[in-house]
Structure formats: C-alpha cells, structure tokens
Amino acid sequence: MTDLAELSASELVQGYAQQDFTPVEVTEAVLDRIDQYNGDLNAFVLVNRPVALSMAADSTRRWKNGEPLGPGDGVPTSIKDLLLTKGWPTLRGSRLIPEDGPWPDDAPAVARLREAGAVFIGKVTTPEFAWKAVTDCLRHGVTTNPWDLSRHAGGSSGGGAAAVASGMGPWSVGTDGGGSVRIPASFTGTVALKPTYGTVPLYPSSPFGTLAHGGPLTRTVTDAAIMMDIISGFDSRDWSALPTPIGSFTEGLDDGVQGLRIAYSPTLGFGHNDPEVQRLVEDAVHLLEDHGAHIEQVDPPISDPIEPFQLLWFTGAAKVLQAYGPNALEAIDPGLREGIEKYHHASALDYLSAQAVRMDLGMTMGAFHETYDLLVTPTMPITAFDCTRQMPVDWDGEFWTSWTPYTYPFNMTQQPAASVPCGVSPADGLPVGLQIIAARTQDRLVLRAARAYEQATGEHFVRPIRPHAA
C-alpha cells in the first residue's frame, strides 16, 4: 500500500483528482510521520494539528465538489520560521522575539499558498535570523539530517529540508540569502530553487537586503516549478518585487538539454572539493552531455567575493539587532555576535566598495551567459558534517562562507540557481547536490535542465531517518 507521506505534491494532486485518497488522509499520514520522526530531527518548531486537519477538510470538500483552487490545493506545507504566518508566532530562531501575538499578517509567499488551498502543517526551524549555513540556535537546538542523525541538515532552511527529506510534508517554503535553500537541499537529497531576485516577494524586507530570495524546497523539480507558480508574483509590500511572471514555470519543463551550451566549473576557480563529490558531479555533467548538451569545462572569470559578501551580510545582521536594544548582542548566537563585531566599524565607503564588487560580479556573469546558457557546479564541496560542529573538520575559515564557496556568489548576482540530487557518496552514504545556474530571469531554463537530469537518473526518494546515528 502506498505510503501517502512519501508522495510528491504533484502525485498527491493527481491522487486527489482521481479520488484515490483525500487531503485529510494525506495530512493525517504526514502528522503521523511528524510524531514518529520530529523528536529526533527537530525540524518543526510548531505543529498545529487542528489547523492542519481543518484546512485539509476544507480541501477535501473542494476536491469532492470538483472545485480545487489549483495545483497546491490539499498539499501539506511547512513554512520556514522566518516568514510571517497569520495566527502563528514567527520567532526567527531567536530568544529576543516574544511569542505573544496577535501575528496578523502572512508573508507574500505564505498568503499565496493559503489562497491556493495548501494545508499548513507548521513552522520549521532556522538558525537565529537565518544567519548561517547550519540549522541550530539557542532557542530551539539543532536540526539533524534524516540520512544520518549525527550530521547537520544544512541551513538556514534546514528544518524545511529535513521535513521534506523525511516525509514530513512534500514541500516547504524557505529563503536563501547565501545558499539557504540550496545548501540543505544538497545535504538532504532534496530539490531547491533560488529564483531570480524579486520573483518571490518578501515582506517584511529582509535585513540582508537584496541578497535574500524566497524559494521552494521540494522532492522533485516538477514540484519546485508548481510551487513557483503559486508563490511568485508582484506584491506591493516588497519595494523590489518583480512583475508577476507571464505563463507557468512548468512550461518547457520537459524540453530537455539538447543543444544547450553548458559551462562546467568544478571549483569556480577558487574552491576545492571532496573527491567523491567531484566524481559524482562530473558523472552528472557527462549525463547531461549524453542527453545532447554541449559541455565545456571552464571557470567564469571571477574571484571569490567572500569579503564583500560578509561585509554586506554582517552589517545587515547588525541592522536586525538594532530593534532589540543595546544588550541584544549578549543574548544571541556567539558566532553571529562575532560576525557583527568584526564588521561593526565598517564605513559607508566600505559598504559601497562591497556593492561595487557586487556590481562588477553581476556584470561579469551577465557577459559570461552571453556565451553559455547555463553554469554547472557542485552545490556544496562536501557532504553533511558532524552536527556538534560549526565547521567541517580540516576546513579553514572564520564563518560558514568558507565551506559554502559555490552558493553565495549567486546571491550577489541575483541569478536563479537550483540544487538537484546527483547521487550518494559511497564514502559516507550521504547525498551530493548538483547546482545549475542561469542568467537573471532565466529561471525556467534552470528548472528545465534540472528536470532533464532528474528524468535521466530517476532521483526521487524519501529517506526514512535511521533509528540511531551512524
């Protein structure tokens, strides 16, 4: 008998249409999975069973009457605890934020999902103010990986990735300011899209400014495209929101990669990879070539923008803390405090210089994509590491940016970038992600290539958590 908690969103909607099962039955299966696994994973900070079952009952009636609201109707959905959700606290992983409400607003993506009939299961974990690439915080503890409970799930959308990877709902809506949907997708064997900046509006505006993107975490590329159809679109509350896209993100999804010009850069010219990660990514590139893509191994002509990114990142974090008074620094994650203190004395000239690097990087990548339709890299140079650590073993650097070299550059440039699973490392049995990047506004092309790879490999699985850490 099919385990309803392991179906993708598109499979669920097909089943609803055929009356094979109902949103109530699926929601109950997901809630049971949460009861079974969340104690070990710590993916959810809030689960509201009555609300979820009520929304599922409403959806069941719509499907029974032949009046579904769209392709998300009845799909169990988790929401990163960074996005406002009407009636539920949004604590952002911080002890500085009180739980008392009334919490009257939905963030734009949450509002669109509610309008589409999605079933809200609860809020999922984030590190404090989503500042880093692992998901742990003083308020809620650490979120672990369904593939190995001794490893990190990645961050900052780690709760959503752990939920999706373990069957606690087929999709989750998250944010990505430096890799925050792509990093946990790579670590957990799930799919993520960081769309072109402004495609998914944000409210309130991110303190990290125009680095922050909203986007989906899903089990399949098709589901990512479907969620994008729901959560994209202009919202006047976001001053930088793009116009509502014309057409569907599912258009051309199955057109393949025949004839596409793809640049393969294993390190972007400045990273280094675990050998098994590099081998699996190279295998994925060869598979794209076998399906008709024109592959050239070439690094884009860029250097690592780590220092400008960190200056923009931590001055943004300092702005967050302003709202909580002069003693806020003493109550936050020590690593976040260290970053804020390092860049606390940055001048306006320093900030503008970092922005100038960013503009040059965007211009360079724009020119690069006049030659190449897509750029392919590893999503991460490593697999998930020990969840008692903040840094992988034998990895030098002060902050999370040192071990995520392939994600944050494309927040600087605002380009669309996806992570799709490309295998499991035989060294540790953990997933590896393939990152696919295109020029700004070419989100459909990213999804099309990700879908072509997914179809060629058949990668689509839910990983039950292990009863004990390996």
Protein backbone atom coordinates (compact mmCIF):
# COMPACT_ATOMS: atom_id res chain seq x y z
CA MET A 1 0.00 0.00 0.00
CA THR A 2 1.35 3.45 -0.94
CA ASP A 3 2.75 5.47 1.96
CA LEU A 4 0.95 8.76 1.44
CA ALA A 5 3.65 10.66 3.32
CA GLU A 6 6.20 9.75 0.64
CA LEU A 7 4.35 11.08 -2.41
CA SER A 8 5.33 14.27 -4.18
CA ALA A 9 2.98 17.23 -4.34
CA SER A 10 2.10 16.55 -7.97
CA GLU A 11 1.40 12.89 -7.17
CA LEU A 12 -0.86 13.95 -4.31
CA VAL A 13 -2.88 16.30 -6.51
CA GLN A 14 -3.24 13.59 -9.15
CA GLY A 15 -4.48 11.22 -6.47
CA TYR A 16 -6.99 13.77 -5.19
CA ALA A 17 -8.32 14.28 -8.70
CA GLN A 18 -8.73 10.54 -9.18
CA GLN A 19 -10.28 10.19 -5.70
CA ASP A 20 -7.62 7.66 -4.70
CA PHE A 21 -7.26 9.39 -1.34
CA THR A 22 -8.18 12.69 0.29
CA PRO A 23 -6.24 15.65 1.71
CA VAL A 24 -7.43 14.62 5.18
CA GLU A 25 -5.91 11.14 4.77
CA VAL A 26 -2.66 12.58 3.48
CA THR A 27 -2.46 15.18 6.25
CA GLU A 28 -3.03 12.51 8.88
CA ALA A 29 -0.22 10.44 7.34
CA VAL A 30 2.14 13.44 7.43
CA LEU A 31 1.21 14.28 11.01
CA ASP A 32 1.86 10.66 11.99
CA ARG A 33 5.27 10.88 10.32
CA ILE A 34 5.99 14.04 12.32
CA ASP A 35 5.01 12.28 15.54
CA GLN A 36 7.39 9.48 14.62
CA TYR A 37 10.43 11.45 13.45
CA ASN A 38 10.41 15.04 14.64
CA GLY A 39 11.67 14.20 18.11
CA ASP A 40 14.95 13.07 16.54
CA LEU A 41 15.15 15.55 13.69
CA ASN A 42 13.89 18.72 15.40
CA ALA A 43 12.63 20.02 12.05
CA PHE A 44 9.43 21.65 13.35
CA VAL A 45 9.23 24.36 16.00
CA LEU A 46 5.44 24.47 15.72
CA VAL A 47 2.91 21.87 14.57
CA ASN A 48 -0.77 22.76 14.68
CA ARG A 49 -2.78 19.58 14.15
CA PRO A 50 -6.26 21.17 14.47
CA VAL A 51 -5.47 23.88 11.93
CA ALA A 52 -3.88 21.38 9.53
CA LEU A 53 -6.83 18.99 9.71
CA SER A 54 -9.33 21.83 9.32
CA MET A 55 -7.56 23.12 6.21
CA ALA A 56 -7.36 19.54 4.91
CA ALA A 57 -11.11 19.06 5.48
CA ASP A 58 -11.84 22.24 3.50
CA SER A 59 -9.63 20.99 0.69
CA THR A 60 -11.29 17.58 0.73
CA ARG A 61 -14.67 19.23 0.23
CA ARG A 62 -13.35 21.26 -2.69
CA TRP A 63 -11.92 18.21 -4.41
CA LYS A 64 -15.12 16.25 -3.79
CA ASN A 65 -17.13 19.06 -5.40
CA GLY A 66 -14.73 19.31 -8.33
CA GLU A 67 -13.68 22.83 -7.31
CA PRO A 68 -9.98 22.71 -6.30
CA LEU A 69 -8.22 26.04 -6.05
CA GLY A 70 -5.23 24.89 -8.08
CA PRO A 71 -2.22 22.54 -8.12
CA GLY A 72 -1.36 23.20 -4.48
CA ASP A 73 -4.81 22.50 -3.04
CA GLY A 74 -4.54 19.99 -0.21
CA VAL A 75 -0.74 19.71 -0.25
CA PRO A 76 0.76 19.58 3.27
CA THR A 77 3.13 22.54 3.56
CA SER A 78 5.71 23.67 6.07
CA ILE A 79 6.85 27.28 6.41
CA LYS A 80 10.27 28.49 7.46
CA ASP A 81 10.06 30.23 10.81
CA LEU A 82 11.33 33.39 9.19
CA LEU A 83 8.16 34.02 7.16
CA LEU A 84 5.16 35.67 8.80
CA THR A 85 2.18 33.33 9.17
CA LYS A 86 -1.17 34.69 10.31
CA GLY A 87 -2.07 33.47 13.80
CA TRP A 88 1.24 31.67 14.38
CA PRO A 89 4.37 33.08 16.04
CA THR A 90 7.35 33.80 13.81
CA LEU A 91 10.30 33.59 16.18
CA ARG A 92 13.19 33.51 13.67
CA GLY A 93 15.13 31.16 15.92
CA SER A 94 15.82 33.95 18.40
CA ARG A 95 15.25 34.32 22.12
CA LEU A 96 14.86 38.05 21.53
CA ILE A 97 11.38 37.66 19.99
CA PRO A 98 8.38 37.09 22.30
CA GLU A 99 5.71 34.59 21.30
CA ASP A 100 2.73 36.78 22.17
CA GLY A 101 0.77 37.92 19.13
CA PRO A 102 -1.53 38.70 17.59
CA TRP A 103 0.55 37.89 14.46
CA PRO A 104 -1.98 39.34 11.99
CA ASP A 105 -0.05 39.03 8.72
CA ASP A 106 1.05 36.46 6.16
CA ALA A 107 4.26 36.97 4.23
CA PRO A 108 3.53 37.18 0.49
CA ALA A 109 4.54 33.58 -0.27
CA VAL A 110 2.52 32.31 2.70
CA ALA A 111 -0.51 34.32 1.60
CA ARG A 112 -0.29 32.87 -1.91
CA LEU A 113 -0.04 29.32 -0.55
CA ARG A 114 -3.05 29.93 1.69
CA GLU A 115 -5.04 31.28 -1.27
CA ALA A 116 -4.04 28.17 -3.27
CA GLY A 117 -5.57 25.85 -0.67
CA ALA A 118 -2.32 24.44 0.73
CA VAL A 119 -2.58 22.70 4.09
CA PHE A 120 -0.37 24.41 6.68
CA ILE A 121 1.27 21.85 8.94
CA GLY A 122 3.54 24.14 10.94
CA LYS A 123 6.71 26.23 11.11
CA VAL A 124 10.17 24.75 10.56
CA THR A 125 13.49 25.55 12.14
CA THR A 126 16.03 28.19 11.18
CA PRO A 127 19.22 29.37 12.85
CA GLU A 128 18.89 32.72 14.57
CA PHE A 129 17.75 35.29 11.99
CA ALA A 130 18.81 32.76 9.32
CA TRP A 131 22.41 33.93 9.66
CA LYS A 132 24.36 30.72 8.92
CA ALA A 133 24.51 27.54 6.86
CA VAL A 134 23.71 25.03 9.61
CA THR A 135 20.43 24.96 11.46
CA ASP A 136 20.91 25.27 15.18
CA CYS A 137 20.03 28.05 17.58
CA LEU A 138 19.95 28.81 21.27
CA ARG A 139 16.15 28.90 21.26
CA HIS A 140 15.36 25.59 19.51
CA GLY A 141 18.51 23.48 19.40
CA VAL A 142 19.97 21.62 16.43
CA THR A 143 18.17 20.16 13.41
CA THR A 144 19.67 16.86 12.27
CA ASN A 145 19.84 15.09 8.93
CA PRO A 146 17.40 12.27 8.01
CA TRP A 147 20.25 10.41 6.30
CA ASP A 148 22.34 10.33 9.47
CA LEU A 149 21.21 11.81 12.75
CA SER A 150 24.78 12.69 13.70
CA ARG A 151 25.05 15.12 10.76
CA HIS A 152 23.75 18.61 10.04
CA ALA A 153 20.78 19.15 7.74
CA GLY A 154 22.38 22.36 6.44
CA GLY A 155 20.93 25.82 6.69
CA SER A 156 19.45 28.17 7.02
CA SER A 157 16.33 26.43 5.68
CA GLY A 158 17.43 23.20 7.34
CA GLY A 159 14.12 22.50 9.05
CA GLY A 160 12.26 22.55 5.75
CA ALA A 161 14.84 20.32 4.06
CA ALA A 162 14.78 17.79 6.89
CA ALA A 163 10.98 17.74 6.81
CA VAL A 164 10.79 17.21 3.05
CA ALA A 165 13.56 14.59 3.05
CA SER A 166 11.89 12.51 5.76
CA GLY A 167 8.29 12.57 4.54
CA MET A 168 7.03 15.24 6.93
CA GLY A 169 5.31 17.04 4.05
CA PRO A 170 6.26 17.04 0.35
CA TRP A 171 7.36 20.67 0.13
CA SER A 172 8.42 23.66 2.21
CA VAL A 173 8.79 27.36 1.51
CA GLY A 174 12.10 28.86 2.58
CA THR A 175 14.53 31.70 1.98
CA ASP A 176 18.04 31.87 0.51
CA GLY A 177 20.39 34.74 1.34
CA GLY A 178 23.68 32.95 0.67
CA GLY A 179 22.67 29.39 -0.14
CA SER A 180 19.96 28.79 2.43
CA VAL A 181 17.70 26.55 0.35
CA ARG A 182 20.45 25.06 -1.84
CA ILE A 183 22.84 24.05 0.96
CA PRO A 184 20.28 21.97 2.92
CA ALA A 185 18.94 20.54 -0.35
CA SER A 186 22.42 19.27 -1.16
CA PHE A 187 22.89 17.84 2.33
CA THR A 188 19.48 16.08 2.43
CA GLY A 189 18.96 14.88 -1.15
CA THR A 190 16.13 17.28 -1.94
CA VAL A 191 15.47 19.86 -4.67
CA ALA A 192 15.71 23.62 -4.17
CA LEU A 193 15.41 26.71 -6.33
CA LYS A 194 16.73 30.16 -5.53
CA PRO A 195 14.80 32.12 -8.15
CA THR A 196 15.86 35.39 -9.72
CA TYR A 197 15.79 38.07 -7.03
CA GLY A 198 12.37 39.70 -6.68
CA THR A 199 10.43 36.88 -8.37
CA VAL A 200 9.15 35.77 -4.95
CA PRO A 201 8.35 38.93 -2.98
CA LEU A 202 9.32 39.25 0.66
CA TYR A 203 7.60 41.17 3.44
CA PRO A 204 8.91 42.48 5.66
CA SER A 205 12.01 43.24 3.61
CA SER A 206 14.98 41.13 4.55
CA PRO A 207 17.60 42.85 6.72
CA PHE A 208 20.11 41.23 4.37
CA GLY A 209 18.65 43.40 1.64
CA THR A 210 18.75 42.30 -1.97
CA LEU A 211 20.82 39.21 -1.16
CA ALA A 212 17.72 37.39 0.15
CA HIS A 213 15.47 35.33 -2.12
CA GLY A 214 12.34 33.30 -1.30
CA GLY A 215 12.09 29.84 -2.82
CA PRO A 216 10.87 26.24 -2.64
CA LEU A 217 12.32 23.07 -1.12
CA THR A 218 10.70 20.02 -2.71
CA ARG A 219 11.19 16.36 -3.59
CA THR A 220 11.03 16.87 -7.35
CA VAL A 221 11.82 19.55 -9.88
CA THR A 222 8.21 19.47 -11.08
CA ASP A 223 7.05 20.31 -7.58
CA ALA A 224 9.50 23.22 -7.42
CA ALA A 225 8.03 24.61 -10.64
CA ILE A 226 4.50 24.17 -9.34
CA MET A 227 5.28 25.94 -6.09
CA MET A 228 6.92 28.78 -8.02
CA ASP A 229 3.66 29.28 -9.93
CA ILE A 230 1.96 29.76 -6.57
CA ILE A 231 4.42 31.89 -4.61
CA SER A 232 5.74 34.21 -7.35
CA GLY A 233 4.02 37.41 -8.37
CA PHE A 234 4.05 41.09 -7.60
CA ASP A 235 3.25 42.25 -4.07
CA SER A 236 3.28 45.98 -3.32
CA ARG A 237 4.65 45.38 0.17
CA ASP A 238 8.00 44.47 -1.41
CA TRP A 239 9.52 47.58 -3.00
CA SER A 240 11.84 45.41 -5.13
CA ALA A 241 9.31 42.80 -6.31
CA LEU A 242 9.38 41.98 -10.00
CA PRO A 243 6.21 41.99 -12.13
CA THR A 244 4.15 38.80 -11.99
CA PRO A 245 5.69 36.26 -14.37
CA ILE A 246 3.86 35.58 -17.61
CA GLY A 247 2.98 31.93 -18.10
CA SER A 248 3.87 28.97 -15.91
CA PHE A 249 7.20 27.77 -14.56
CA THR A 250 6.15 24.32 -15.77
CA GLU A 251 6.21 25.47 -19.41
CA GLY A 252 9.00 23.76 -21.30
CA LEU A 253 9.94 21.74 -18.23
CA ASP A 254 10.35 18.52 -20.22
CA ASP A 255 12.14 20.05 -23.22
CA GLY A 256 15.49 18.56 -22.24
CA VAL A 257 19.02 19.93 -22.68
CA GLN A 258 19.61 19.15 -26.35
CA GLY A 259 21.74 21.93 -27.81
CA LEU A 260 22.19 23.92 -24.60
CA ARG A 261 25.63 25.45 -24.04
CA ILE A 262 26.70 24.47 -20.52
CA ALA A 263 29.85 25.61 -18.75
CA TYR A 264 31.06 23.14 -16.13
CA SER A 265 33.19 24.68 -13.39
CA PRO A 266 34.16 22.19 -10.67
CA THR A 267 35.53 24.87 -8.31
CA LEU A 268 34.64 28.32 -9.78
CA GLY A 269 38.41 28.76 -9.83
CA PHE A 270 38.76 29.16 -6.06
CA GLY A 271 37.13 26.22 -4.25
CA HIS A 272 38.18 22.64 -3.57
CA ASN A 273 36.03 19.52 -3.32
CA ASP A 274 35.78 16.21 -1.57
CA PRO A 275 36.89 13.68 -4.24
CA GLU A 276 33.59 11.77 -4.15
CA VAL A 277 31.60 14.98 -4.53
CA GLN A 278 33.66 15.94 -7.56
CA ARG A 279 33.31 12.48 -9.11
CA LEU A 280 29.52 12.44 -8.74
CA VAL A 281 29.17 15.96 -10.16
CA GLU A 282 31.39 15.03 -13.11
CA ASP A 283 29.21 11.96 -13.72
CA ALA A 284 26.16 14.25 -13.73
CA VAL A 285 27.81 16.57 -16.26
CA HIS A 286 28.64 13.63 -18.53
CA LEU A 287 25.00 12.55 -18.33
CA LEU A 288 23.84 15.99 -19.45
CA GLU A 289 26.30 15.73 -22.32
CA ASP A 290 24.93 12.29 -23.22
CA HIS A 291 21.50 13.93 -23.49
CA GLY A 292 22.64 16.48 -26.02
CA ALA A 293 24.11 19.40 -24.06
CA HIS A 294 27.32 20.99 -25.29
CA ILE A 295 29.67 20.92 -22.30
CA GLU A 296 32.82 22.96 -21.83
CA GLN A 297 34.88 22.85 -18.66
CA VAL A 298 35.62 26.48 -17.93
CA ASP A 299 35.70 28.75 -14.89
CA PRO A 300 33.85 32.06 -15.08
CA PRO A 301 36.33 34.96 -14.87
CA ILE A 302 35.54 35.83 -11.26
CA SER A 303 37.33 35.77 -7.92
CA ASP A 304 35.91 34.76 -4.58
CA PRO A 305 33.68 37.61 -3.29
CA ILE A 306 33.77 36.30 0.27
CA GLU A 307 34.92 39.50 1.99
CA PRO A 308 32.44 41.83 0.24
CA PHE A 309 29.67 39.30 0.86
CA GLN A 310 30.50 39.01 4.55
CA LEU A 311 30.57 42.77 4.96
CA LEU A 312 27.12 43.09 3.39
CA TRP A 313 25.88 40.09 5.38
CA PHE A 314 27.01 41.06 8.85
CA THR A 315 26.17 44.75 8.54
CA GLY A 316 22.69 43.55 7.62
CA ALA A 317 22.67 41.39 10.73
CA ALA A 318 23.74 44.38 12.83
CA LYS A 319 20.75 46.28 11.49
CA VAL A 320 18.49 43.43 12.67
CA LEU A 321 19.85 43.71 16.19
CA GLN A 322 19.18 47.46 16.41
CA ALA A 323 15.49 46.78 17.03
CA TYR A 324 16.21 44.78 20.19
CA GLY A 325 18.14 47.30 22.25
CA PRO A 326 21.75 47.79 23.36
CA ASN A 327 22.02 44.45 25.19
CA ALA A 328 20.83 42.28 22.30
CA LEU A 329 24.36 41.21 21.34
CA GLU A 330 24.73 39.42 24.66
CA ALA A 331 21.67 37.21 24.02
CA ILE A 332 22.41 35.94 20.51
CA ASP A 333 24.34 33.11 18.89
CA PRO A 334 28.03 33.68 19.71
CA GLY A 335 29.03 33.17 16.08
CA LEU A 336 26.56 35.80 14.92
CA ARG A 337 27.87 38.17 17.57
CA GLU A 338 31.44 37.55 16.37
CA GLY A 339 30.50 38.41 12.78
CA ILE A 340 28.65 41.56 13.76
CA GLU A 341 31.54 42.72 15.92
CA LYS A 342 34.07 42.07 13.15
CA TYR A 343 32.23 44.32 10.69
CA HIS A 344 30.71 46.73 13.20
CA HIS A 345 33.08 49.55 12.28
CA ALA A 346 32.65 49.25 8.50
CA SER A 347 32.19 52.68 6.96
CA ALA A 348 29.74 53.81 4.32
CA LEU A 349 32.69 53.78 1.91
CA ASP A 350 33.44 50.16 2.84
CA TYR A 351 29.81 49.26 2.21
CA LEU A 352 29.74 51.00 -1.17
CA SER A 353 33.01 49.33 -2.12
CA ALA A 354 31.45 45.94 -1.38
CA GLN A 355 28.48 46.91 -3.53
CA ALA A 356 30.86 47.88 -6.32
CA VAL A 357 32.41 44.41 -6.22
CA ARG A 358 28.91 43.01 -6.39
CA MET A 359 28.01 45.10 -9.43
CA ASP A 360 31.19 44.06 -11.22
CA LEU A 361 30.45 40.42 -10.42
CA GLY A 362 26.94 40.75 -11.84
CA MET A 363 28.25 42.41 -15.00
CA THR A 364 30.88 39.68 -15.47
CA MET A 365 28.34 36.89 -15.07
CA GLY A 366 25.94 38.64 -17.43
CA ALA A 367 28.65 38.65 -20.10
CA PHE A 368 29.53 35.03 -19.31
CA HIS A 369 25.96 33.95 -20.02
CA GLU A 370 26.09 35.53 -23.44
CA THR A 371 28.34 32.58 -24.31
CA TYR A 372 26.89 29.90 -22.01
CA ASP A 373 23.22 29.19 -21.37
CA LEU A 374 23.98 27.54 -18.04
CA LEU A 375 26.75 27.18 -15.50
CA VAL A 376 27.01 23.92 -13.56
CA THR A 377 28.97 23.42 -10.32
CA PRO A 378 28.74 21.27 -7.21
CA THR A 379 26.18 22.79 -4.86
CA MET A 380 28.49 22.01 -1.97
CA PRO A 381 32.11 20.86 -1.93
CA ILE A 382 31.35 18.39 0.87
CA THR A 383 28.60 16.20 2.25
CA ALA A 384 26.87 16.88 5.57
CA PHE A 385 29.19 17.02 8.57
CA ASP A 386 29.06 16.39 12.33
CA CYS A 387 26.16 18.30 13.91
CA THR A 388 28.18 19.03 17.06
CA ARG A 389 30.49 21.22 14.99
CA GLN A 390 30.06 24.63 13.33
CA MET A 391 32.79 23.94 10.77
CA PRO A 392 33.78 20.79 8.85
CA VAL A 393 36.93 19.03 10.02
CA ASP A 394 40.11 20.31 8.34
CA TRP A 395 38.33 23.31 6.85
CA ASP A 396 39.88 26.72 7.40
CA GLY A 397 37.85 29.90 7.83
CA GLU A 398 36.06 32.09 10.31
CA PHE A 399 32.46 31.76 9.14
CA TRP A 400 30.11 29.46 7.23
CA THR A 401 31.04 31.16 3.96
CA SER A 402 34.41 29.40 4.00
CA TRP A 403 32.83 26.00 3.30
CA THR A 404 29.99 27.17 1.00
CA PRO A 405 32.00 28.78 -1.81
CA TYR A 406 29.61 27.95 -4.66
CA THR A 407 26.35 29.37 -3.33
CA TYR A 408 26.72 32.95 -2.04
CA PRO A 409 28.31 34.38 -5.23
CA PHE A 410 24.97 33.92 -6.98
CA ASN A 411 23.11 35.79 -4.27
CA MET A 412 25.48 38.65 -5.01
CA THR A 413 24.46 38.47 -8.70
CA GLN A 414 20.75 37.68 -8.04
CA GLN A 415 20.81 34.85 -10.60
CA PRO A 416 18.50 31.82 -10.47
CA ALA A 417 20.21 28.69 -9.14
CA ALA A 418 18.88 25.23 -8.35
CA SER A 419 20.24 22.26 -6.46
CA VAL A 420 19.20 18.79 -7.59
CA PRO A 421 20.40 15.47 -6.08
CA CYS A 422 23.14 13.84 -8.15
CA GLY A 423 23.89 10.73 -6.14
CA VAL A 424 25.12 9.46 -2.81
CA SER A 425 28.75 9.41 -1.77
CA PRO A 426 29.94 5.83 -1.20
CA ALA A 427 32.39 7.17 1.39
CA ASP A 428 29.68 8.13 3.90
CA GLY A 429 26.32 7.27 2.30
CA LEU A 430 25.26 10.93 2.16
CA PRO A 431 23.70 12.93 -0.70
CA VAL A 432 25.50 15.25 -3.10
CA GLY A 433 23.92 18.17 -4.96
CA LEU A 434 24.39 19.47 -8.50
CA GLN A 435 23.99 23.26 -8.83
CA ILE A 436 22.57 24.69 -12.07
CA ILE A 437 22.77 28.46 -12.65
CA ALA A 438 21.47 30.73 -15.44
CA ALA A 439 21.35 34.42 -16.26
CA ARG A 440 18.86 36.59 -14.38
CA THR A 441 15.20 35.89 -15.29
CA GLN A 442 16.09 32.53 -16.89
CA ASP A 443 14.50 30.52 -14.08
CA ARG A 444 12.62 28.24 -16.46
CA LEU A 445 15.87 27.26 -18.14
CA VAL A 446 17.35 26.27 -14.77
CA LEU A 447 14.29 24.17 -13.97
CA ARG A 448 14.31 22.61 -17.44
CA ALA A 449 17.91 21.44 -17.07
CA ALA A 450 17.31 20.21 -13.53
CA ARG A 451 14.27 18.29 -14.73
CA ALA A 452 16.26 16.77 -17.61
CA TYR A 453 18.87 15.50 -15.17
CA GLU A 454 16.21 14.23 -12.76
CA GLN A 455 14.42 12.34 -15.54
CA ALA A 456 17.68 10.79 -16.73
CA THR A 457 18.57 9.50 -13.27
CA GLY A 458 15.18 8.85 -11.69
CA GLU A 459 16.36 10.52 -8.48
CA HIS A 460 13.28 10.93 -6.29
CA PHE A 461 13.27 9.40 -2.88
CA VAL A 462 12.30 9.98 0.72
CA ARG A 463 14.86 8.91 3.24
CA PRO A 464 13.46 7.43 6.46
CA ILE A 465 15.60 8.52 9.37
CA ARG A 466 17.81 5.94 10.96
CA PRO A 467 16.79 4.79 14.44
CA HIS A 468 20.27 5.65 15.72
CA ALA A 469 23.00 7.93 14.49
CA ALA A 470 25.61 6.13 12.36
